[in-house]
């Protein structure tokens, strides 16, 4: 009985892995594209992207892109985990970039770092900045928010006219 259960579990998990790697996701696994400065609901999260700033300075063929984000816990009685690794930038070539954790990137920038992880109790809000290192000539086209690693729900915020 135990072997059968383990086999069934491995088959199910294998199916989940294959499904999550699908290059052409179905409409039900994605949300519609959104814009900057719009409250968006993704699962139990309410998120908002205030602005995106692209620095012109290039160091080692990289430049910094900053986004200012906000969370609100208006719907969950449980505390929500708010993390920098929930946010990704995508460029016009399909490459993605993760938020940087180095505190020195935020020094002398007049921005408040969001931090690695914060817990947001019910009826609380959180706001902060995230920095991304991208190649110098990269054109950012999209910001993506993903609530956790075990979901297919995302919010895609389209960036218009950035160069």
Protein backbone atom coordinates (compact mmCIF):
# COMPACT_ATOMS: atom_id res chain seq x y z
CA UNK A 1 0.00 0.00 0.00
CA UNK A 2 2.78 2.41 0.95
CA UNK A 3 4.66 1.73 -2.33
CA UNK A 4 1.50 2.43 -4.32
CA UNK A 5 0.96 5.68 -2.45
CA UNK A 6 4.58 6.78 -3.02
CA UNK A 7 4.32 5.89 -6.71
CA UNK A 8 1.08 7.85 -7.06
CA UNK A 9 2.64 10.81 -5.28
CA UNK A 10 5.71 10.76 -7.54
CA UNK A 11 3.51 10.61 -10.65
CA UNK A 12 1.44 13.53 -9.39
CA UNK A 13 4.51 15.58 -8.52
CA UNK A 14 6.02 14.79 -11.89
CA UNK A 15 2.86 16.08 -13.53
CA UNK A 16 3.05 19.27 -11.52
CA UNK A 17 6.63 19.87 -12.61
CA UNK A 18 5.80 19.26 -16.26
CA UNK A 19 2.75 21.50 -16.08
CA UNK A 20 4.67 24.33 -14.44
CA UNK A 21 7.30 24.25 -17.19
CA UNK A 22 4.73 24.76 -19.96
CA UNK A 23 6.06 27.45 -22.33
CA UNK A 24 2.51 28.37 -23.41
CA UNK A 25 0.55 28.85 -20.20
CA UNK A 26 -3.20 28.67 -20.38
CA UNK A 27 -5.35 31.71 -19.76
CA UNK A 28 -6.47 30.32 -16.41
CA UNK A 29 -2.90 30.33 -15.05
CA UNK A 30 -2.29 34.00 -15.83
CA UNK A 31 -3.94 37.29 -15.03
CA UNK A 32 -4.44 40.18 -17.42
CA UNK A 33 -1.64 42.69 -17.92
CA UNK A 34 -1.83 45.70 -15.65
CA UNK A 35 -0.33 49.20 -15.58
CA UNK A 36 1.79 51.19 -13.13
CA UNK A 37 -0.08 52.98 -10.34
CA UNK A 38 -2.94 50.50 -10.16
CA UNK A 39 -3.94 48.37 -7.15
CA UNK A 40 -3.86 44.72 -8.20
CA UNK A 41 -5.26 41.70 -6.34
CA UNK A 42 -3.23 38.48 -6.64
CA UNK A 43 -4.49 35.70 -4.41
CA UNK A 44 -4.57 37.26 -0.92
CA UNK A 45 -2.15 40.09 -1.85
CA UNK A 46 -3.03 43.65 -2.82
CA UNK A 47 -0.01 45.19 -4.58
CA UNK A 48 0.78 48.53 -6.21
CA UNK A 49 3.79 49.64 -8.28
CA UNK A 50 4.27 53.38 -7.79
CA UNK A 51 7.11 54.05 -10.19
CA UNK A 52 10.10 52.67 -12.08
CA UNK A 53 13.39 54.59 -12.30
CA UNK A 54 16.18 53.59 -14.68
CA UNK A 55 19.61 54.96 -13.85
CA UNK A 56 21.82 56.13 -16.68
CA UNK A 57 25.14 55.31 -14.96
CA UNK A 58 26.75 52.12 -16.28
CA UNK A 59 29.22 50.14 -14.16
CA UNK A 60 30.73 46.91 -15.49
CA UNK A 61 28.20 47.01 -18.37
CA UNK A 62 25.29 47.02 -15.85
CA UNK A 63 22.88 49.70 -14.74
CA UNK A 64 20.35 49.85 -11.94
CA UNK A 65 16.59 49.88 -12.29
CA UNK A 66 14.54 50.72 -9.19
CA UNK A 67 10.88 50.04 -8.60
CA UNK A 68 8.81 51.40 -5.72
CA UNK A 69 6.20 48.88 -4.61
CA UNK A 70 3.48 48.70 -1.98
CA UNK A 71 1.53 45.92 -0.32
CA UNK A 72 -1.73 46.09 1.61
CA UNK A 73 -3.21 43.29 3.67
CA UNK A 74 -6.89 44.15 3.43
CA UNK A 75 -8.31 40.66 2.97
CA UNK A 76 -6.28 38.08 4.91
CA UNK A 77 -6.62 37.42 8.63
CA UNK A 78 -3.20 35.75 8.44
CA UNK A 79 0.00 37.77 8.16
CA UNK A 80 1.32 37.96 4.60
CA UNK A 81 4.96 37.37 3.74
CA UNK A 82 6.22 40.28 1.62
CA UNK A 83 9.54 39.45 -0.05
CA UNK A 84 11.86 40.93 -2.64
CA UNK A 85 11.96 37.55 -4.44
CA UNK A 86 8.28 37.96 -5.37
CA UNK A 87 9.24 40.61 -7.95
CA UNK A 88 10.93 40.17 -11.36
CA UNK A 89 11.74 42.39 -14.31
CA UNK A 90 11.54 41.15 -17.90
CA UNK A 91 13.20 42.70 -20.94
CA UNK A 92 12.19 42.85 -24.59
CA UNK A 93 14.26 39.71 -25.29
CA UNK A 94 12.46 37.62 -22.65
CA UNK A 95 15.25 37.63 -20.06
CA UNK A 96 14.29 38.05 -16.40
CA UNK A 97 16.05 39.80 -13.53
CA UNK A 98 15.72 39.33 -9.76
CA UNK A 99 15.81 42.08 -7.15
CA UNK A 100 19.21 42.64 -5.55
CA UNK A 101 19.74 42.28 -1.81
CA UNK A 102 22.88 44.34 -1.36
CA UNK A 103 22.07 47.30 0.96
CA UNK A 104 24.85 49.43 -0.55
CA UNK A 105 22.87 49.69 -3.82
CA UNK A 106 20.32 51.82 -1.96
CA UNK A 107 22.80 54.15 -0.26
CA UNK A 108 22.79 57.76 -1.43
CA UNK A 109 19.73 57.09 -3.61
CA UNK A 110 17.05 58.71 -1.42
CA UNK A 111 15.00 55.49 -1.48
CA UNK A 112 13.92 53.16 1.32
CA UNK A 113 14.85 49.50 0.69
CA UNK A 114 11.87 47.12 1.02
CA UNK A 115 14.03 44.50 2.71
CA UNK A 116 14.34 40.76 2.28
CA UNK A 117 11.12 39.72 4.02
CA UNK A 118 8.48 41.49 6.06
CA UNK A 119 5.30 40.12 7.60
CA UNK A 120 2.24 42.26 7.04
CA UNK A 121 -0.61 41.84 9.54
CA UNK A 122 -4.23 42.45 8.60
CA UNK A 123 -5.10 46.09 7.75
CA UNK A 124 -1.43 47.06 7.44
CA UNK A 125 0.43 48.54 4.47
CA UNK A 126 4.06 48.28 3.45
CA UNK A 127 5.99 50.36 0.93
CA UNK A 128 9.59 50.23 -0.29
CA UNK A 129 12.07 50.15 -3.16
CA UNK A 130 13.77 47.26 -4.96
CA UNK A 131 16.90 47.49 -7.13
CA UNK A 132 17.67 45.31 -10.15
CA UNK A 133 20.99 45.08 -12.02
CA UNK A 134 20.38 44.79 -15.75
CA UNK A 135 22.68 44.92 -18.80
CA UNK A 136 23.36 48.48 -19.96
CA UNK A 137 21.28 48.36 -23.17
CA UNK A 138 18.37 46.32 -21.83
CA UNK A 139 14.83 47.57 -22.43
CA UNK A 140 12.56 46.65 -19.53
CA UNK A 141 9.04 45.82 -20.70
CA UNK A 142 7.37 44.11 -17.75
CA UNK A 143 7.32 43.82 -13.97
CA UNK A 144 6.00 40.54 -12.63
CA UNK A 145 4.70 39.77 -9.14
CA UNK A 146 4.41 36.14 -8.02
CA UNK A 147 2.85 35.49 -4.57
CA UNK A 148 4.76 32.24 -3.96
CA UNK A 149 6.61 29.44 -5.70
CA UNK A 150 3.72 26.98 -5.60
CA UNK A 151 1.25 29.03 -7.62
CA UNK A 152 0.68 29.86 -11.25
CA UNK A 153 -1.05 33.15 -10.41
CA UNK A 154 0.95 36.22 -11.34
CA UNK A 155 0.41 39.91 -11.99
CA UNK A 156 2.17 41.29 -15.05
CA UNK A 157 2.60 45.08 -15.14
CA UNK A 158 3.39 46.34 -18.62
CA UNK A 159 5.95 49.14 -18.97
CA UNK A 160 5.17 51.37 -21.95
CA UNK A 161 7.63 53.62 -23.73
CA UNK A 162 10.77 52.87 -21.70
CA UNK A 163 14.08 52.87 -23.49
